[in-house]
Protein backbone atom coordinates (compact mmCIF):
# COMPACT_ATOMS: atom_id res chain seq x y z
CA UNK A 1 196.18 49.12 -85.78
CA UNK A 2 196.40 51.80 -88.78
CA UNK A 3 193.42 54.14 -89.20
CA UNK A 4 191.42 54.52 -91.74
CA UNK A 5 192.90 55.43 -94.96
CA UNK A 6 195.96 53.63 -94.30
CA UNK A 7 197.35 50.80 -96.41
CA UNK A 8 196.48 47.40 -95.18
CA UNK A 9 192.94 48.18 -94.09
CA UNK A 10 191.13 47.61 -96.55
CA UNK A 11 192.63 49.48 -99.15
CA UNK A 12 194.25 48.54 -102.31
CA UNK A 13 198.07 48.55 -102.75
CA UNK A 14 199.24 51.84 -104.00
CA UNK A 15 200.18 50.54 -107.16
CA UNK A 16 196.55 49.67 -107.74
CA UNK A 17 194.97 53.34 -107.46
CA UNK A 18 194.70 55.17 -110.61
CA UNK A 19 197.64 57.53 -110.62
CA UNK A 20 195.65 60.75 -111.08
CA UNK A 21 194.27 59.71 -107.77
CA UNK A 22 198.11 59.33 -105.78
CA UNK A 23 199.31 62.72 -107.48
CA UNK A 24 197.17 64.53 -104.57
CA UNK A 25 198.91 65.07 -101.45
CA UNK A 26 197.76 62.29 -98.69
CA UNK A 27 194.39 62.57 -96.60
CA UNK A 28 194.79 62.77 -92.89
CA UNK A 29 193.73 59.87 -90.80
CA UNK A 30 191.64 61.38 -88.75
CA UNK A 31 190.02 64.77 -88.47
CA UNK A 32 189.63 66.22 -84.96
CA UNK A 33 185.99 67.27 -84.41
CA UNK A 34 187.22 70.63 -82.48
CA UNK A 35 190.36 73.40 -83.57
CA UNK A 36 191.12 76.52 -82.49
CA UNK A 37 190.91 77.44 -86.19
CA UNK A 38 190.32 75.91 -89.60
CA UNK A 39 193.56 73.79 -90.44
CA UNK A 40 194.31 72.41 -94.04
CA UNK A 41 194.57 68.95 -94.38
CA UNK A 42 194.89 68.87 -98.22
CA UNK A 43 197.08 71.60 -99.12
CA UNK A 44 196.96 72.06 -103.15
CA UNK A 45 198.96 74.66 -103.91
CA UNK A 46 201.76 72.83 -105.56
CA UNK A 47 199.00 71.61 -108.19
CA UNK A 48 198.14 73.43 -111.38
CA UNK A 49 194.28 72.36 -110.52
CA UNK A 50 193.50 75.15 -108.08
CA UNK A 51 194.71 78.70 -107.23
CA UNK A 52 197.45 78.98 -104.44
CA UNK A 53 195.14 80.60 -101.70
CA UNK A 54 192.74 77.99 -101.99
CA UNK A 55 193.00 74.57 -99.35
CA UNK A 56 191.01 71.39 -98.72
CA UNK A 57 190.06 70.47 -95.72
CA UNK A 58 187.71 68.17 -93.61
CA UNK A 59 184.48 69.82 -92.43
CA UNK A 60 185.08 71.01 -89.04
CA UNK A 61 181.21 71.71 -87.30
CA UNK A 62 182.58 74.11 -85.05
CA UNK A 63 183.92 76.57 -88.13
CA UNK A 64 182.30 75.52 -91.34
CA UNK A 65 178.84 74.74 -90.43
CA UNK A 66 176.75 77.78 -91.00
CA UNK A 67 178.83 78.31 -93.95
CA UNK A 68 178.22 75.10 -95.50
CA UNK A 69 174.09 75.46 -95.01
CA UNK A 70 174.64 79.22 -96.38
CA UNK A 71 176.23 77.58 -99.29
CA UNK A 72 173.98 74.71 -99.99
CA UNK A 73 170.90 76.76 -99.89
CA UNK A 74 172.16 79.45 -102.37
CA UNK A 75 173.45 76.85 -104.61
CA UNK A 76 171.00 73.96 -104.31
CA UNK A 77 167.84 75.52 -103.21
CA UNK A 78 166.65 72.63 -101.20
CA UNK A 79 162.59 72.79 -100.72
CA UNK A 80 162.20 68.94 -99.67
CA UNK A 81 162.79 68.44 -96.03
CA UNK A 82 165.23 65.52 -96.17
CA UNK A 83 167.48 67.81 -98.01
CA UNK A 84 167.85 70.26 -95.33
CA UNK A 85 171.20 71.25 -94.89
CA UNK A 86 170.88 71.11 -91.43
CA UNK A 87 169.36 67.20 -90.98
CA UNK A 88 172.03 66.23 -94.03
CA UNK A 89 175.28 67.52 -91.76
CA UNK A 90 173.69 65.89 -88.57
CA UNK A 91 173.52 63.03 -90.36
CA UNK A 92 176.45 62.90 -92.38
CA UNK A 93 178.25 63.66 -88.70
CA UNK A 94 176.79 60.90 -87.35
CA UNK A 95 178.45 58.33 -89.36
CA UNK A 96 181.86 60.21 -88.91
CA UNK A 97 183.67 58.94 -91.66
CA UNK A 98 185.91 61.69 -93.12
CA UNK A 99 184.17 61.83 -96.46
CA UNK A 100 183.25 65.80 -95.75
CA UNK A 101 185.33 68.26 -97.13
CA UNK A 102 185.61 72.18 -97.59
CA UNK A 103 187.54 74.23 -99.90
CA UNK A 104 188.28 77.41 -97.89
CA UNK A 105 189.59 80.78 -99.13
CA UNK A 106 191.40 82.41 -96.16
CA UNK A 107 188.80 81.62 -93.45
CA UNK A 108 185.88 81.29 -95.79
CA UNK A 109 184.15 78.63 -97.31
CA UNK A 110 183.99 78.25 -100.62
CA UNK A 111 183.19 74.68 -101.73
CA UNK A 112 182.11 71.66 -100.39
CA UNK A 113 182.29 67.93 -101.41
CA UNK A 114 180.19 65.24 -99.27
CA UNK A 115 181.13 61.36 -100.24
CA UNK A 116 179.65 58.55 -99.00
CA UNK A 117 180.94 54.27 -98.92
CA UNK A 118 179.22 51.49 -98.49
CA UNK A 119 181.73 49.12 -99.13
CA UNK A 120 180.43 48.52 -102.82
CA UNK A 121 180.15 51.76 -104.52
CA UNK A 122 181.46 55.56 -103.49
CA UNK A 123 179.15 58.51 -104.32
CA UNK A 124 179.46 62.26 -104.81
CA UNK A 125 176.90 64.28 -103.10
CA UNK A 126 176.94 67.74 -102.16
CA UNK A 127 179.60 69.43 -104.96
CA UNK A 128 179.10 72.77 -104.65
CA UNK A 129 181.53 75.83 -105.22
CA UNK A 130 180.21 79.65 -104.65
CA UNK A 131 179.40 81.06 -107.97
CA UNK A 132 181.93 83.52 -107.73
CA UNK A 133 184.43 81.26 -107.14
CA UNK A 134 183.56 78.80 -110.42
CA UNK A 135 185.93 78.38 -112.82
CA UNK A 136 189.19 77.99 -110.89
CA UNK A 137 189.41 74.36 -110.70
CA UNK A 138 187.76 74.18 -107.07
CA UNK A 139 184.86 71.96 -107.97
CA UNK A 140 187.05 69.26 -109.72
CA UNK A 141 189.93 69.74 -106.42
CA UNK A 142 187.14 68.88 -104.28
CA UNK A 143 185.80 65.80 -106.81
CA UNK A 144 189.47 64.30 -106.82
CA UNK A 145 190.02 64.38 -103.27
CA UNK A 146 186.87 62.63 -102.68
CA UNK A 147 187.53 60.24 -105.40
CA UNK A 148 191.19 60.04 -103.41
CA UNK A 149 189.71 59.48 -100.17
CA UNK A 150 187.23 56.36 -101.66
CA UNK A 151 189.90 54.79 -103.34
CA UNK A 152 192.16 54.52 -100.26
CA UNK A 153 188.87 52.88 -98.66
CA UNK A 154 188.93 50.10 -101.82
CA UNK A 155 186.17 51.77 -103.22
CA UNK A 156 186.77 50.96 -107.27
CA UNK A 157 183.85 53.19 -108.63
CA UNK A 158 182.15 55.87 -107.95
CA UNK A 159 178.55 57.20 -108.71
CA UNK A 160 176.40 60.09 -108.62
CA UNK A 161 172.88 61.69 -109.37
CA UNK A 162 172.33 65.06 -111.26
CA UNK A 163 169.13 66.69 -111.65
CA UNK A 164 167.89 65.90 -115.07
CA UNK A 165 168.03 69.07 -117.11
CA UNK A 166 171.25 70.33 -115.57
CA UNK A 167 173.46 70.34 -118.66
CA UNK A 168 176.18 72.19 -117.05
CA UNK A 169 176.36 70.32 -114.01
CA UNK A 170 176.37 66.96 -116.62
CA UNK A 171 179.31 68.71 -118.72
CA UNK A 172 181.51 69.55 -115.62
CA UNK A 173 181.23 65.55 -114.56
CA UNK A 174 181.91 64.45 -118.17
CA UNK A 175 185.04 66.72 -118.54
CA UNK A 176 186.32 64.91 -115.13
CA UNK A 177 185.88 61.76 -116.61
CA UNK A 178 182.31 60.51 -115.69
CA UNK A 179 179.74 59.08 -118.22
CA UNK A 180 176.48 58.75 -118.32
CA UNK A 181 175.07 55.54 -117.82
CA UNK A 182 171.82 53.63 -118.94
CA UNK A 183 170.25 53.72 -115.33
CA UNK A 184 167.21 54.61 -113.71
CA UNK A 185 167.31 56.24 -110.60
CA UNK A 186 164.61 55.73 -108.00
CA UNK A 187 164.19 56.94 -104.83
CA UNK A 188 161.63 56.21 -101.66
CA UNK A 189 161.45 58.61 -98.50
CA UNK A 190 161.72 56.20 -95.14
CA UNK A 191 159.21 57.12 -92.31
CA UNK A 192 161.28 58.41 -89.62
């Protein structure tokens, strides 16, 4: 039986995936939960998008957890309990869908992207890059890796949300091909 992301398992044929997405190296079909050192799954040193010393790989709970919590706290400054980085990471790992990526410089985490797919739409969450590593193509490379992983699952459209008034982030996504849609985002906290 083929693993997640392999052709023939609910994924469109390669010809149906936009050429931009197929230009990235193939994703690993599984992500080990524990390994001795962070292992790059998505080498991007041969792309013009990102500098050579940065690699993309799946999130490793043993080695990346503390760094991701620190990054998200710094970049997003979460105030609501349901957005707490510890809680978000715990919940994401519970679904084990291999849609959680980090960008690393040596062994330091300098960026993340969390993606989701419900069989209808893909979602981009928690795309973050350390302030001292911005404007180097890391955010775009993380976004494209998440898009590739979603496309390999059969996803045809990706959505995301940006906090109102964050023009810099809106500009980043517009340059990446996203458009503001005439939608109202609504939410409701469920009792736990």
